[in-house]
Amino acid sequence: MINIITSGCSFTHDPDSWANKLKDKLPSNYNVINVAEGGCGQEFIVRSAIIELQKISEPKICMVQLSGFWRSQIHL
């Protein structure tokens, strides 16, 4: 099993996104894990991908779509 971890903002989180289309297009020996969230900034995108990568010891690929460089994140 090869795991593909995807992360990004709403363009990756959307049900019709490129990340979710991978599930339909790839053979069954691929497992797509989409950790994207709408409205998030670069820090969240990278951090969520790293956290998921650390959980998996099997072969893995990471694909990330970063949002615009002007997006920032406020921790509350």
C-alpha atoms as a PDB file:
ATOM      1  CA  MET A   1       0.000   0.000   0.000  1.00  0.00           C
ATOM      2  CA  ILE A   2       1.313   3.430  -0.951  1.00  0.00           C
ATOM      3  CA  ASN A   3      -0.129   6.336   1.009  1.00  0.00           C
ATOM      4  CA  ILE A   4      -0.565   9.742  -0.608  1.00  0.00           C
ATOM      5  CA  ILE A   5      -0.998  12.588   1.857  1.00  0.00           C
ATOM      6  CA  THR A   6      -2.495  15.760   0.415  1.00  0.00           C
ATOM      7  CA  SER A   7      -2.795  19.108   2.146  1.00  0.00           C
ATOM      8  CA  GLY A   8      -3.940  22.582   1.209  1.00  0.00           C
ATOM      9  CA  CYS A   9      -6.664  25.168   1.638  1.00  0.00           C
ATOM     10  CA  SER A  10     -10.273  25.065   0.397  1.00  0.00           C
ATOM     11  CA  PHE A  11      -9.165  24.306  -3.177  1.00  0.00           C
ATOM     12  CA  THR A  12      -7.762  20.995  -1.906  1.00  0.00           C
ATOM     13  CA  HIS A  13     -10.463  20.347   0.711  1.00  0.00           C
ATOM     14  CA  ASP A  14     -13.411  20.707  -1.694  1.00  0.00           C
ATOM     15  CA  PRO A  15     -15.166  17.412  -2.584  1.00  0.00           C
ATOM     16  CA  ASP A  16     -14.405  18.032  -6.287  1.00  0.00           C
ATOM     17  CA  SER A  17     -10.758  18.973  -5.695  1.00  0.00           C
ATOM     18  CA  TRP A  18      -7.703  17.490  -7.387  1.00  0.00           C
ATOM     19  CA  ALA A  19      -6.848  15.650  -4.166  1.00  0.00           C
ATOM     20  CA  ASN A  20     -10.207  13.932  -3.922  1.00  0.00           C
ATOM     21  CA  LYS A  21     -10.163  13.080  -7.646  1.00  0.00           C
ATOM     22  CA  LEU A  22      -6.958  11.092  -7.026  1.00  0.00           C
ATOM     23  CA  LYS A  23      -8.998   8.554  -5.060  1.00  0.00           C
ATOM     24  CA  ASP A  24     -11.058   7.792  -8.174  1.00  0.00           C
ATOM     25  CA  LYS A  25      -8.156   7.762 -10.633  1.00  0.00           C
ATOM     26  CA  LEU A  26      -5.523   5.689  -8.805  1.00  0.00           C
ATOM     27  CA  PRO A  27      -5.438   1.894  -8.474  1.00  0.00           C
ATOM     28  CA  SER A  28      -6.548   0.259  -5.239  1.00  0.00           C
ATOM     29  CA  ASN A  29      -2.996  -0.118  -3.890  1.00  0.00           C
ATOM     30  CA  TYR A  30      -2.940   3.660  -3.255  1.00  0.00           C
ATOM     31  CA  ASN A  31      -4.517   5.204  -0.178  1.00  0.00           C
ATOM     32  CA  VAL A  32      -5.215   8.959  -0.436  1.00  0.00           C
ATOM     33  CA  ILE A  33      -5.386  10.849   2.868  1.00  0.00           C
ATOM     34  CA  ASN A  34      -6.563  14.439   2.440  1.00  0.00           C
ATOM     35  CA  VAL A  35      -5.786  16.612   5.486  1.00  0.00           C
ATOM     36  CA  ALA A  36      -6.712  19.915   3.790  1.00  0.00           C
ATOM     37  CA  GLU A  37      -8.986  22.454   5.462  1.00  0.00           C
ATOM     38  CA  GLY A  38     -10.778  25.431   3.985  1.00  0.00           C
ATOM     39  CA  GLY A  39      -9.705  28.894   5.080  1.00  0.00           C
ATOM     40  CA  CYS A  40      -6.336  27.878   6.458  1.00  0.00           C
ATOM     41  CA  GLY A  41      -2.955  29.488   5.953  1.00  0.00           C
ATOM     42  CA  GLN A  42       0.461  28.185   4.956  1.00  0.00           C
ATOM     43  CA  GLU A  43       1.448  27.192   8.496  1.00  0.00           C
ATOM     44  CA  PHE A  44      -1.551  24.897   8.911  1.00  0.00           C
ATOM     45  CA  ILE A  45      -1.101  23.392   5.454  1.00  0.00           C
ATOM     46  CA  VAL A  46       2.514  22.426   6.136  1.00  0.00           C
ATOM     47  CA  ARG A  47       1.978  21.420   9.768  1.00  0.00           C
ATOM     48  CA  SER A  48      -0.975  19.125   9.011  1.00  0.00           C
ATOM     49  CA  ALA A  49       1.003  17.402   6.250  1.00  0.00           C
ATOM     50  CA  ILE A  50       4.009  16.848   8.541  1.00  0.00           C
ATOM     51  CA  ILE A  51       1.837  15.476  11.349  1.00  0.00           C
ATOM     52  CA  GLU A  52       0.183  12.980   8.988  1.00  0.00           C
ATOM     53  CA  LEU A  53       3.536  11.976   7.461  1.00  0.00           C
ATOM     54  CA  GLN A  54       4.873  11.176  10.939  1.00  0.00           C
ATOM     55  CA  LYS A  55       1.928   8.857  11.658  1.00  0.00           C
ATOM     56  CA  ILE A  56       2.605   6.572   8.684  1.00  0.00           C
ATOM     57  CA  SER A  57       5.599   4.243   8.494  1.00  0.00           C
ATOM     58  CA  GLU A  58       4.643   2.634   5.164  1.00  0.00           C
ATOM     59  CA  PRO A  59       5.727   4.085   1.773  1.00  0.00           C
ATOM     60  CA  LYS A  60       4.251   7.542   1.311  1.00  0.00           C
ATOM     61  CA  ILE A  61       4.053  10.511  -1.028  1.00  0.00           C
ATOM     62  CA  CYS A  62       3.117  14.039   0.016  1.00  0.00           C
ATOM     63  CA  MET A  63       1.428  16.558  -2.291  1.00  0.00           C
ATOM     64  CA  VAL A  64       0.723  20.071  -1.064  1.00  0.00           C
ATOM     65  CA  GLN A  65      -1.042  23.004  -2.687  1.00  0.00           C
ATOM     66  CA  LEU A  66      -0.008  26.173  -0.907  1.00  0.00           C
ATOM     67  CA  SER A  67      -2.338  29.152  -0.919  1.00  0.00           C
ATOM     68  CA  GLY A  68      -1.282  32.717  -1.725  1.00  0.00           C
ATOM     69  CA  PHE A  69       1.809  34.043   0.038  1.00  0.00           C
ATOM     70  CA  TRP A  70      -0.230  36.910   1.529  1.00  0.00           C
ATOM     71  CA  ARG A  71      -2.412  34.580   3.600  1.00  0.00           C
ATOM     72  CA  SER A  72      -1.571  34.592   7.267  1.00  0.00           C
ATOM     73  CA  GLN A  73      -2.765  32.658  10.266  1.00  0.00           C
ATOM     74  CA  ILE A  74      -3.896  33.972  13.623  1.00  0.00           C
ATOM     75  CA  HIS A  75      -3.751  31.595  16.576  1.00  0.00           C
ATOM     76  CA  LEU A  76      -6.679  31.995  18.982  1.00  0.00           C
END
